[in-house]
C-alpha cells in the first residue's frame, strides 16, 4: 500500500533545508536547485508544496517566529510581572545555540523583508506582539514593586531595539555577545538605568 504523503511534514522539511542554507550562505546563497537537493527532492517537486522561492523564505521567517513564540509560551507559563518579562526576553535574545541559529536566519531574512511587504508584515506583527507582552508584564512588575517605576513604553522601545541589536551582533560579532554580557545588559535596562543615560 503506498505511503500517504504528509503535506505539512514535507513543507517543514523544505523549510528546514532553507534554514540550513540561509544559516550557511545567507539569503543570497539560496536558490531552488540547491534547496531541492538539500531537502532531498527534485527541483520540480518543490512546486507541489510552495509557489516559489518567496513563499519558502516567508514561511521560513514565520517558522523562526513560531519557534520563538513556542519557547516563550513554555518558559513564561502562568508567570506574571518581572519573572514573565525576564523569561520572555531571554527566549528572544541570542543566548543559546538554537537562538543564535535563528538570529542568523532572521538577519538574512530582514534583507529580503526590506523589499518584500509580506515578509516585512510578518516581522512587524511579531515584534508588535512581543512589545505588547513586554509592556503588560513590565506594568505588572511595577505594580507589584518588582521593578522601579519608569516610562514603560519608552523602556519597551529600548529593550526591543537592544534585543534586535544583540541578534545582529550575535551574527556579526559573536565575541561581543556573551551570555553574561547579554544578561547584564537586560538587567540594566529593566532596572531603569539604561534609559537614564540616553
N, C-alpha and C. Protein backbone atom coordinates (compact mmCIF):
# COMPACT_ATOMS: atom_id res chain seq x y z
N UNK A 1 0.85 -1.19 0.00
CA UNK A 1 0.00 0.00 0.00
C UNK A 1 0.89 1.25 0.00
N UNK A 2 0.67 2.20 -0.91
CA UNK A 2 1.54 3.39 -0.97
C UNK A 2 1.45 4.23 0.29
N UNK A 3 2.59 4.79 0.69
CA UNK A 3 2.64 5.62 1.89
C UNK A 3 1.95 6.94 1.61
N UNK A 4 1.10 7.36 2.54
CA UNK A 4 0.43 8.64 2.40
C UNK A 4 1.44 9.77 2.61
N UNK A 5 1.38 10.77 1.77
CA UNK A 5 2.30 11.90 1.87
C UNK A 5 1.75 12.91 2.87
N UNK A 6 2.55 13.26 3.86
CA UNK A 6 2.18 14.28 4.84
C UNK A 6 2.64 15.62 4.28
N UNK A 7 1.70 16.38 3.76
CA UNK A 7 2.00 17.65 3.09
C UNK A 7 2.72 18.61 4.03
N UNK A 8 2.23 18.74 5.26
CA UNK A 8 2.84 19.65 6.22
C UNK A 8 4.25 19.20 6.58
N UNK A 9 4.44 17.90 6.69
CA UNK A 9 5.77 17.38 7.02
C UNK A 9 6.75 17.71 5.90
N UNK A 10 6.31 17.57 4.66
CA UNK A 10 7.18 17.89 3.53
C UNK A 10 7.51 19.39 3.51
N UNK A 11 6.53 20.22 3.80
CA UNK A 11 6.79 21.67 3.86
C UNK A 11 7.82 21.99 4.95
N UNK A 12 7.66 21.35 6.11
CA UNK A 12 8.61 21.59 7.20
C UNK A 12 10.01 21.16 6.81
N UNK A 13 10.12 20.04 6.09
CA UNK A 13 11.43 19.55 5.66
C UNK A 13 12.08 20.52 4.68
N UNK A 14 11.28 21.09 3.79
CA UNK A 14 11.80 22.06 2.83
C UNK A 14 12.25 23.33 3.54
N UNK A 15 11.44 23.78 4.50
CA UNK A 15 11.81 24.97 5.27
C UNK A 15 13.08 24.71 6.09
N UNK A 16 13.19 23.53 6.67
CA UNK A 16 14.39 23.19 7.43
C UNK A 16 15.62 23.23 6.53
N UNK A 17 15.47 22.76 5.30
CA UNK A 17 16.58 22.82 4.34
C UNK A 17 16.92 24.28 4.02
N UNK A 18 15.90 25.10 3.88
CA UNK A 18 16.14 26.53 3.63
C UNK A 18 16.89 27.15 4.80
N UNK A 19 16.50 26.79 6.03
CA UNK A 19 17.20 27.29 7.22
C UNK A 19 18.69 26.97 7.13
N UNK A 20 19.00 25.72 6.80
CA UNK A 20 20.40 25.30 6.78
C UNK A 20 21.20 26.09 5.74
N UNK A 21 20.61 26.30 4.57
CA UNK A 21 21.32 27.03 3.52
C UNK A 21 21.48 28.49 3.91
N UNK A 22 20.41 29.10 4.42
CA UNK A 22 20.49 30.51 4.81
C UNK A 22 21.52 30.71 5.92
N UNK A 23 21.51 29.82 6.91
CA UNK A 23 22.46 29.93 8.02
C UNK A 23 23.89 29.80 7.53
N UNK A 24 24.08 28.98 6.50
CA UNK A 24 25.44 28.74 6.00
C UNK A 24 25.90 29.78 4.99
N UNK A 25 24.98 30.21 4.11
CA UNK A 25 25.38 31.07 2.99
C UNK A 25 24.72 32.45 2.98
N UNK A 26 23.71 32.64 3.82
CA UNK A 26 22.97 33.89 3.76
C UNK A 26 21.88 33.85 2.71
N UNK A 27 21.09 34.91 2.66
CA UNK A 27 19.93 34.95 1.79
C UNK A 27 20.32 34.89 0.30
N UNK A 28 21.46 35.46 -0.05
CA UNK A 28 21.88 35.48 -1.46
C UNK A 28 22.38 34.12 -1.93
N UNK A 29 22.64 33.22 -0.97
CA UNK A 29 23.19 31.93 -1.34
C UNK A 29 22.16 30.85 -1.58
N UNK A 30 20.88 31.22 -1.52
CA UNK A 30 19.84 30.20 -1.67
C UNK A 30 19.24 30.26 -3.07
N UNK A 31 19.15 29.11 -3.72
CA UNK A 31 18.45 29.00 -5.00
C UNK A 31 17.65 27.71 -4.98
N UNK A 32 16.70 27.61 -5.87
CA UNK A 32 15.75 26.49 -5.84
C UNK A 32 16.44 25.15 -6.11
N UNK A 33 17.45 25.14 -6.97
CA UNK A 33 18.13 23.87 -7.28
C UNK A 33 18.84 23.33 -6.04
N UNK A 34 19.61 24.20 -5.37
CA UNK A 34 20.33 23.76 -4.17
C UNK A 34 19.36 23.42 -3.04
N UNK A 35 18.27 24.18 -2.96
CA UNK A 35 17.28 23.92 -1.92
C UNK A 35 16.64 22.55 -2.13
N UNK A 36 16.31 22.23 -3.37
CA UNK A 36 15.71 20.92 -3.67
C UNK A 36 16.69 19.80 -3.31
N UNK A 37 17.95 19.97 -3.66
CA UNK A 37 18.97 18.97 -3.33
C UNK A 37 19.11 18.80 -1.83
N UNK A 38 19.17 19.93 -1.12
CA UNK A 38 19.32 19.88 0.34
C UNK A 38 18.12 19.20 1.01
N UNK A 39 16.94 19.42 0.45
CA UNK A 39 15.72 18.84 1.02
C UNK A 39 15.49 17.40 0.56
N UNK A 40 16.25 16.96 -0.47
CA UNK A 40 16.11 15.60 -0.95
C UNK A 40 15.01 15.41 -1.97
N UNK A 41 14.66 16.49 -2.68
CA UNK A 41 13.62 16.41 -3.69
C UNK A 41 14.16 16.90 -5.03
N UNK A 42 13.40 16.65 -6.08
CA UNK A 42 13.74 17.24 -7.37
C UNK A 42 13.28 18.69 -7.36
N UNK A 43 13.88 19.48 -8.22
CA UNK A 43 13.53 20.90 -8.28
C UNK A 43 12.03 21.08 -8.54
N UNK A 44 11.50 20.30 -9.46
CA UNK A 44 10.09 20.43 -9.79
C UNK A 44 9.17 20.02 -8.66
N UNK A 45 9.64 19.14 -7.79
CA UNK A 45 8.79 18.66 -6.70
C UNK A 45 8.46 19.76 -5.70
N UNK A 46 9.34 20.77 -5.60
CA UNK A 46 9.10 21.85 -4.64
C UNK A 46 7.81 22.60 -4.96
N UNK A 47 7.46 22.64 -6.24
CA UNK A 47 6.27 23.39 -6.65
C UNK A 47 4.98 22.76 -6.13
N UNK A 48 5.05 21.50 -5.68
CA UNK A 48 3.86 20.86 -5.10
C UNK A 48 3.57 21.39 -3.70
N UNK A 49 4.58 22.01 -3.08
CA UNK A 49 4.45 22.43 -1.68
C UNK A 49 4.55 23.94 -1.49
N UNK A 50 5.18 24.63 -2.43
CA UNK A 50 5.33 26.08 -2.34
C UNK A 50 5.20 26.67 -3.74
N UNK A 51 4.68 27.90 -3.80
CA UNK A 51 4.51 28.56 -5.09
C UNK A 51 5.83 29.05 -5.67
N UNK A 52 6.84 29.19 -4.83
CA UNK A 52 8.13 29.66 -5.31
C UNK A 52 9.04 30.01 -4.16
N UNK A 53 10.19 30.57 -4.50
CA UNK A 53 11.21 30.90 -3.51
C UNK A 53 10.69 31.90 -2.48
N UNK A 54 9.94 32.90 -2.92
CA UNK A 54 9.45 33.92 -1.99
C UNK A 54 8.59 33.31 -0.89
N UNK A 55 7.71 32.38 -1.27
CA UNK A 55 6.86 31.75 -0.27
C UNK A 55 7.69 30.90 0.69
N UNK A 56 8.70 30.23 0.18
CA UNK A 56 9.56 29.42 1.04
C UNK A 56 10.27 30.32 2.06
N UNK A 57 10.81 31.43 1.60
CA UNK A 57 11.53 32.33 2.51
C UNK A 57 10.58 32.95 3.53
N UNK A 58 9.39 33.32 3.08
CA UNK A 58 8.41 33.90 4.02
C UNK A 58 8.01 32.86 5.07
N UNK A 59 7.83 31.63 4.64
CA UNK A 59 7.46 30.57 5.57
C UNK A 59 8.61 30.27 6.53
N UNK A 60 9.84 30.32 6.03
CA UNK A 60 11.00 30.12 6.90
C UNK A 60 11.03 31.18 8.00
N UNK A 61 10.72 32.41 7.64
CA UNK A 61 10.68 33.51 8.61
C UNK A 61 9.57 33.25 9.64
N UNK A 62 8.41 32.82 9.17
CA UNK A 62 7.30 32.53 10.08
C UNK A 62 7.66 31.40 11.05
N UNK A 63 8.41 30.40 10.55
CA UNK A 63 8.81 29.28 11.40
C UNK A 63 9.77 29.74 12.49
N UNK A 64 10.68 30.68 12.16
CA UNK A 64 11.59 31.23 13.18
C UNK A 64 10.78 31.89 14.28
N UNK A 65 9.80 32.68 13.89
CA UNK A 65 8.97 33.39 14.86
C UNK A 65 8.12 32.42 15.67
N UNK A 66 7.55 31.42 14.99
CA UNK A 66 6.74 30.42 15.70
C UNK A 66 7.57 29.66 16.73
N UNK A 67 8.80 29.30 16.35
CA UNK A 67 9.68 28.58 17.28
C UNK A 67 9.97 29.43 18.50
N UNK A 68 10.22 30.72 18.28
CA UNK A 68 10.47 31.63 19.40
C UNK A 68 9.24 31.74 20.29
N UNK A 69 8.07 31.88 19.67
CA UNK A 69 6.84 32.03 20.45
C UNK A 69 6.52 30.77 21.26
N UNK A 70 6.81 29.62 20.71
CA UNK A 70 6.59 28.38 21.46
C UNK A 70 7.48 28.32 22.69
N UNK A 71 8.75 28.74 22.53
CA UNK A 71 9.65 28.78 23.67
C UNK A 71 9.17 29.79 24.72
N UNK A 72 8.72 30.95 24.26
CA UNK A 72 8.23 31.97 25.18
C UNK A 72 7.05 31.44 25.98
N UNK A 73 6.07 30.85 25.30
CA UNK A 73 4.88 30.36 25.99
C UNK A 73 5.23 29.28 27.01
N UNK A 74 6.15 28.39 26.65
CA UNK A 74 6.56 27.34 27.58
C UNK A 74 7.30 27.91 28.78
N UNK A 75 8.19 28.85 28.52
CA UNK A 75 9.01 29.43 29.60
C UNK A 75 8.19 30.33 30.52
N UNK A 76 7.34 31.15 29.95
CA UNK A 76 6.55 32.09 30.76
C UNK A 76 5.46 31.35 31.53
N UNK A 77 4.79 30.42 30.85
CA UNK A 77 3.72 29.69 31.52
C UNK A 77 2.69 30.64 32.11
N UNK A 78 2.41 30.49 33.40
CA UNK A 78 1.43 31.36 34.06
C UNK A 78 2.08 32.49 34.85
N UNK A 79 3.36 32.66 34.66
CA UNK A 79 4.07 33.71 35.38
C UNK A 79 3.59 35.09 34.94
N UNK A 80 3.77 36.05 35.81
CA UNK A 80 3.38 37.43 35.52
C UNK A 80 4.53 38.35 35.93
N UNK A 81 4.37 39.62 35.64
CA UNK A 81 5.29 40.62 36.13
C UNK A 81 6.73 40.42 35.70
N UNK A 82 7.65 40.69 36.63
CA UNK A 82 9.07 40.66 36.33
C UNK A 82 9.58 39.31 35.85
N UNK A 83 9.10 38.24 36.47
CA UNK A 83 9.54 36.91 36.04
C UNK A 83 9.13 36.64 34.60
N UNK A 84 7.90 36.98 34.26
CA UNK A 84 7.41 36.76 32.90
C UNK A 84 8.20 37.61 31.90
N UNK A 85 8.43 38.87 32.27
CA UNK A 85 9.17 39.77 31.38
C UNK A 85 10.58 39.26 31.14
N UNK A 86 11.24 38.85 32.18
CA UNK A 86 12.61 38.35 32.08
C UNK A 86 12.66 37.09 31.19
N UNK A 87 11.73 36.18 31.40
CA UNK A 87 11.73 34.95 30.61
C UNK A 87 11.40 35.21 29.15
N UNK A 88 10.47 36.13 28.89
CA UNK A 88 10.16 36.47 27.50
C UNK A 88 11.41 36.98 26.78
N UNK A 89 12.11 37.91 27.43
CA UNK A 89 13.30 38.49 26.81
C UNK A 89 14.37 37.44 26.56
N UNK A 90 14.58 36.56 27.52
CA UNK A 90 15.60 35.53 27.40
C UNK A 90 15.34 34.63 26.19
N UNK A 91 14.07 34.36 25.90
CA UNK A 91 13.75 33.48 24.78
C UNK A 91 13.94 34.16 23.42
N UNK A 92 13.91 35.49 23.39
CA UNK A 92 14.14 36.21 22.13
C UNK A 92 15.62 36.48 21.93
N UNK A 93 16.35 36.67 23.02
CA UNK A 93 17.77 37.01 22.94
C UNK A 93 18.58 35.82 22.42
N UNK A 94 19.70 36.10 21.73
CA UNK A 94 20.53 35.01 21.18
C UNK A 94 21.46 34.41 22.24
N UNK A 95 20.87 33.71 23.21
CA UNK A 95 21.63 33.17 24.32
C UNK A 95 22.04 31.71 24.14
N UNK A 96 21.31 30.98 23.30
CA UNK A 96 21.58 29.56 23.09
C UNK A 96 22.00 29.32 21.64
N UNK A 97 22.53 28.15 21.38
CA UNK A 97 22.92 27.82 20.00
C UNK A 97 21.70 27.87 19.08
N UNK A 98 20.56 27.40 19.57
CA UNK A 98 19.33 27.43 18.76
C UNK A 98 18.93 28.86 18.43
N UNK A 99 18.96 29.73 19.45
CA UNK A 99 18.56 31.12 19.24
C UNK A 99 19.57 31.85 18.35
N UNK A 100 20.84 31.49 18.45
CA UNK A 100 21.85 32.11 17.59
C UNK A 100 21.65 31.69 16.13
N UNK A 101 21.28 30.43 15.92
CA UNK A 101 20.97 29.98 14.56
C UNK A 101 19.78 30.75 14.02
N UNK A 102 18.74 30.90 14.84
CA UNK A 102 17.57 31.66 14.41
C UNK A 102 17.93 33.11 14.11
N UNK A 103 18.87 33.66 14.88
CA UNK A 103 19.31 35.04 14.63
C UNK A 103 19.99 35.13 13.26
N UNK A 104 20.82 34.14 12.93
CA UNK A 104 21.47 34.14 11.61
C UNK A 104 20.43 34.13 10.50
N UNK A 105 19.40 33.32 10.68
CA UNK A 105 18.35 33.22 9.67
C UNK A 105 17.56 34.52 9.61
N UNK A 106 17.18 35.05 10.78
CA UNK A 106 16.38 36.28 10.83
C UNK A 106 17.13 37.45 10.21
N UNK A 107 18.40 37.60 10.55
CA UNK A 107 19.18 38.72 10.00
C UNK A 107 19.24 38.63 8.48
N UNK A 108 19.42 37.43 7.95
CA UNK A 108 19.43 37.26 6.49
C UNK A 108 18.07 37.60 5.88
N UNK A 109 17.02 37.16 6.55
CA UNK A 109 15.68 37.37 6.00
C UNK A 109 15.23 38.83 6.13
N UNK A 110 15.78 39.57 7.08
CA UNK A 110 15.46 41.01 7.17
C UNK A 110 15.86 41.72 5.88
N UNK A 111 16.95 41.26 5.26
CA UNK A 111 17.38 41.84 3.99
C UNK A 111 16.27 41.71 2.95
N UNK A 112 15.65 40.53 2.87
CA UNK A 112 14.56 40.32 1.93
C UNK A 112 13.32 41.12 2.35
N UNK A 113 13.11 41.27 3.65
CA UNK A 113 11.93 41.98 4.14
C UNK A 113 11.92 43.44 3.72
N UNK A 114 13.09 44.00 3.44
CA UNK A 114 13.16 45.40 3.02
C UNK A 114 12.45 45.63 1.70
N UNK A 115 12.35 44.59 0.87
CA UNK A 115 11.70 44.73 -0.45
C UNK A 115 10.49 43.81 -0.60
N UNK A 116 10.16 43.07 0.45
CA UNK A 116 9.02 42.14 0.41
C UNK A 116 8.02 42.57 1.48
N UNK A 117 6.96 43.28 1.08
CA UNK A 117 5.99 43.78 2.07
C UNK A 117 5.37 42.67 2.91
N UNK A 118 5.16 41.50 2.32
CA UNK A 118 4.59 40.39 3.07
C UNK A 118 5.51 39.93 4.19
N UNK A 119 6.80 39.84 3.88
CA UNK A 119 7.76 39.42 4.89
C UNK A 119 7.93 40.51 5.95
N UNK A 120 7.93 41.77 5.52
CA UNK A 120 8.01 42.87 6.48
C UNK A 120 6.83 42.84 7.45
N UNK A 121 5.66 42.50 6.93
CA UNK A 121 4.47 42.42 7.77
C UNK A 121 4.60 41.29 8.80
N UNK A 122 5.14 40.15 8.38
CA UNK A 122 5.36 39.05 9.32
C UNK A 122 6.25 39.52 10.47
N UNK A 123 7.33 40.21 10.12
CA UNK A 123 8.25 40.73 11.14
C UNK A 123 7.56 41.73 12.05
N UNK A 124 6.86 42.69 11.46
CA UNK A 124 6.27 43.78 12.24
C UNK A 124 5.17 43.29 13.17
N UNK A 125 4.40 42.33 12.73
CA UNK A 125 3.34 41.77 13.59
C UNK A 125 3.97 41.05 14.78
N UNK A 126 5.03 40.29 14.52
CA UNK A 126 5.69 39.56 15.61
C UNK A 126 6.30 40.51 16.62
N UNK A 127 7.01 41.52 16.13
CA UNK A 127 7.66 42.48 17.03
C UNK A 127 6.61 43.24 17.84
N UNK A 128 5.51 43.63 17.20
CA UNK A 128 4.45 44.35 17.91
C UNK A 128 3.85 43.48 19.02
N UNK A 129 3.68 42.19 18.74
CA UNK A 129 3.12 41.28 19.75
C UNK A 129 4.08 41.13 20.92
N UNK A 130 5.38 41.00 20.64
CA UNK A 130 6.37 40.89 21.72
C UNK A 130 6.38 42.16 22.55
N UNK A 131 6.33 43.31 21.89
CA UNK A 131 6.35 44.58 22.62
C UNK A 131 5.10 44.73 23.49
N UNK A 132 3.97 44.27 22.97
CA UNK A 132 2.74 44.33 23.77
C UNK A 132 2.85 43.49 25.03
N UNK A 133 3.40 42.29 24.90
CA UNK A 133 3.58 41.43 26.08
C UNK A 133 4.60 42.02 27.04
N UNK A 134 5.67 42.57 26.50
CA UNK A 134 6.67 43.22 27.36
C UNK A 134 6.03 44.32 28.20
N UNK A 135 5.23 45.16 27.54
CA UNK A 135 4.60 46.28 28.24
C UNK A 135 3.67 45.78 29.34
N UNK A 136 2.88 44.76 29.05
CA UNK A 136 1.96 44.20 30.04
C UNK A 136 2.71 43.68 31.26
N UNK A 137 3.73 42.86 31.02
CA UNK A 137 4.50 42.27 32.13
C UNK A 137 5.25 43.35 32.90
N UNK A 138 5.77 44.34 32.19
CA UNK A 138 6.55 45.40 32.85
C UNK A 138 5.64 46.20 33.79
N UNK A 139 4.44 46.52 33.33
CA UNK A 139 3.50 47.27 34.19
C UNK A 139 3.08 46.43 35.39
N UNK A 140 2.91 45.13 35.18
CA UNK A 140 2.61 44.25 36.31
C UNK A 140 3.75 44.26 37.32
N UNK A 141 4.99 44.27 36.81
CA UNK A 141 6.16 44.27 37.69
C UNK A 141 6.25 45.57 38.48
N UNK A 142 5.90 46.68 37.85
CA UNK A 142 5.91 47.96 38.56
C UNK A 142 4.81 47.99 39.62
N UNK A 143 3.62 47.53 39.25
CA UNK A 143 2.50 47.49 40.20
C UNK A 143 2.81 46.59 41.39
N UNK A 144 3.61 45.54 41.16
CA UNK A 144 3.96 44.62 42.24
C UNK A 144 5.25 44.99 42.95
N UNK A 145 5.77 46.19 42.68
CA UNK A 145 7.01 46.68 43.30
C UNK A 145 8.21 45.77 43.01
N UNK A 146 8.18 45.08 41.87
CA UNK A 146 9.32 44.24 41.47
C UNK A 146 10.36 45.06 40.72
N UNK A 147 9.90 46.07 39.97
CA UNK A 147 10.78 46.91 39.19
C UNK A 147 10.45 48.38 39.46
N UNK A 148 11.44 49.27 39.29
CA UNK A 148 11.17 50.70 39.54
C UNK A 148 10.21 51.28 38.52
N UNK A 149 9.49 52.31 38.92
CA UNK A 149 8.56 52.98 38.02
C UNK A 149 9.34 53.70 36.92
N UNK A 150 9.01 53.41 35.69
CA UNK A 150 9.65 54.05 34.53
C UNK A 150 8.57 54.30 33.48
N UNK A 151 8.95 55.01 32.43
CA UNK A 151 8.08 55.16 31.27
C UNK A 151 8.14 53.82 30.52
N UNK A 152 7.11 53.01 30.69
CA UNK A 152 7.13 51.65 30.15
C UNK A 152 7.23 51.63 28.63
N UNK A 153 6.48 52.49 27.97
CA UNK A 153 6.53 52.50 26.51
C UNK A 153 7.93 52.80 25.99
N UNK A 154 8.60 53.78 26.61
CA UNK A 154 9.97 54.10 26.21
C UNK A 154 10.90 52.94 26.56
N UNK A 155 10.68 52.34 27.73
CA UNK A 155 11.51 51.21 28.14
C UNK A 155 11.39 50.04 27.19
N UNK A 156 10.18 49.76 26.73
CA UNK A 156 9.96 48.66 25.79
C UNK A 156 10.69 48.93 24.48
N UNK A 157 10.67 50.19 24.02
CA UNK A 157 11.37 50.51 22.78
C UNK A 157 12.87 50.29 22.94
N UNK A 158 13.43 50.71 24.08
CA UNK A 158 14.86 50.49 24.34
C UNK A 158 15.15 49.00 24.40
N UNK A 159 14.29 48.27 25.09
CA UNK A 159 14.50 46.83 25.27
C UNK A 159 14.44 46.08 23.94
N UNK A 160 13.41 46.35 23.13
CA UNK A 160 13.25 45.63 21.87
C UNK A 160 14.37 45.99 20.89
N UNK A 161 14.72 47.28 20.85
CA UNK A 161 15.81 47.70 19.96
C UNK A 161 17.13 47.07 20.38
N UNK A 162 17.35 46.96 21.67
CA UNK A 162 18.57 46.32 22.18
C UNK A 162 18.62 44.84 21.80
N UNK A 163 17.49 44.15 21.95
CA UNK A 163 17.46 42.72 21.62
C UNK A 163 17.71 42.50 20.14
N UNK A 164 17.12 43.33 19.29
CA UNK A 164 17.37 43.21 17.85
C UNK A 164 18.85 43.46 17.56
N UNK A 165 19.42 44.45 18.25
CA UNK A 165 20.85 44.72 18.09
C UNK A 165 21.71 43.55 18.52
N UNK A 166 21.31 42.88 19.61
CA UNK A 166 22.04 41.71 20.07
C UNK A 166 21.99 40.58 19.05
N UNK A 167 20.85 40.45 18.38
CA UNK A 167 20.75 39.42 17.35
C UNK A 167 21.71 39.70 16.20
N UNK A 168 21.82 40.96 15.81
CA UNK A 168 22.75 41.33 14.75
C UNK A 168 24.19 41.08 15.22
N UNK A 169 24.51 41.50 16.44
CA UNK A 169 25.86 41.30 16.96
C UNK A 169 26.22 39.83 17.10
N UNK A 170 25.23 39.01 17.44
CA UNK A 170 25.48 37.57 17.57
C UNK A 170 25.91 36.96 16.25
N UNK A 171 25.47 37.56 15.15
CA UNK A 171 25.84 37.09 13.81
C UNK A 171 27.17 37.69 13.36
N UNK A 172 27.33 39.00 13.57
CA UNK A 172 28.49 39.71 13.04
C UNK A 172 29.68 39.76 13.99
N UNK A 173 29.41 39.77 15.30
CA UNK A 173 30.49 39.91 16.28
C UNK A 173 30.16 39.07 17.52
N UNK A 174 30.19 37.75 17.39
CA UNK A 174 29.77 36.87 18.49
C UNK A 174 30.53 37.12 19.79
N UNK A 175 31.79 37.54 19.70
CA UNK A 175 32.59 37.73 20.92
C UNK A 175 32.01 38.83 21.81
N UNK A 176 31.24 39.74 21.21
CA UNK A 176 30.70 40.86 21.99
C UNK A 176 29.36 40.51 22.63
N UNK A 177 28.87 39.30 22.37
CA UNK A 177 27.53 38.95 22.86
C UNK A 177 27.57 37.68 23.70
N UNK A 178 28.45 37.66 24.68
CA UNK A 178 28.48 36.51 25.59
C UNK A 178 27.18 36.48 26.39
N UNK A 179 26.86 35.31 26.91
CA UNK A 179 25.64 35.16 27.71
C UNK A 179 25.64 36.13 28.90
N UNK A 180 26.75 36.20 29.60
CA UNK A 180 26.80 37.06 30.79
C UNK A 180 26.64 38.53 30.43
N UNK A 181 27.24 38.95 29.32
CA UNK A 181 27.12 40.34 28.89
C UNK A 181 25.68 40.68 28.50
N UNK A 182 25.03 39.76 27.81
CA UNK A 182 23.64 39.99 27.41
C UNK A 182 22.72 40.09 28.63
N UNK A 183 22.89 39.19 29.58
CA UNK A 183 22.03 39.20 30.76
C UNK A 183 22.27 40.44 31.61
N UNK A 184 23.52 40.88 31.68
CA UNK A 184 23.82 42.10 32.43
C UNK A 184 23.16 43.31 31.77
N UNK A 185 23.15 43.34 30.45
CA UNK A 185 22.51 44.43 29.72
C UNK A 185 21.00 44.41 29.96
N UNK A 186 20.40 43.23 29.95
CA UNK A 186 18.97 43.10 30.22
C UNK A 186 18.65 43.63 31.61
N UNK A 187 19.43 43.24 32.60
CA UNK A 187 19.20 43.70 33.97
C UNK A 187 19.34 45.21 34.09
N UNK A 188 20.30 45.78 33.36
CA UNK A 188 20.49 47.23 33.38
C UNK A 188 19.27 47.96 32.84
N UNK A 189 18.71 47.47 31.76
CA UNK A 189 17.53 48.09 31.16
C UNK A 189 16.33 47.97 32.10
N UNK A 190 16.10 46.77 32.64
CA UNK A 190 14.92 46.57 33.49
C UNK A 190 15.02 47.33 34.81
N UNK A 191 16.26 47.62 35.23
CA UNK A 191 16.44 48.39 36.45
C UNK A 191 16.26 49.89 36.21
N UNK A 192 16.04 50.27 34.95
CA UNK A 192 15.81 51.67 34.63
C UNK A 192 17.06 52.49 34.49
N UNK A 193 18.24 51.83 34.51
CA UNK A 193 19.48 52.59 34.46
C UNK A 193 19.86 52.95 33.02
N UNK A 194 19.46 52.13 32.04
CA UNK A 194 19.84 52.40 30.65
C UNK A 194 19.14 53.64 30.14
N UNK A 195 17.83 53.78 30.39
CA UNK A 195 17.08 54.93 29.87
C UNK A 195 17.55 56.22 30.49
N UNK A 196 18.11 56.15 31.72
CA UNK A 196 18.56 57.36 32.39
C UNK A 196 19.80 57.95 31.72
N UNK A 197 20.52 57.10 30.96
CA UNK A 197 21.75 57.57 30.31
C UNK A 197 21.53 57.98 28.88
N UNK A 198 20.32 57.79 28.35
CA UNK A 198 20.08 58.13 26.93
C UNK A 198 19.87 59.62 26.75
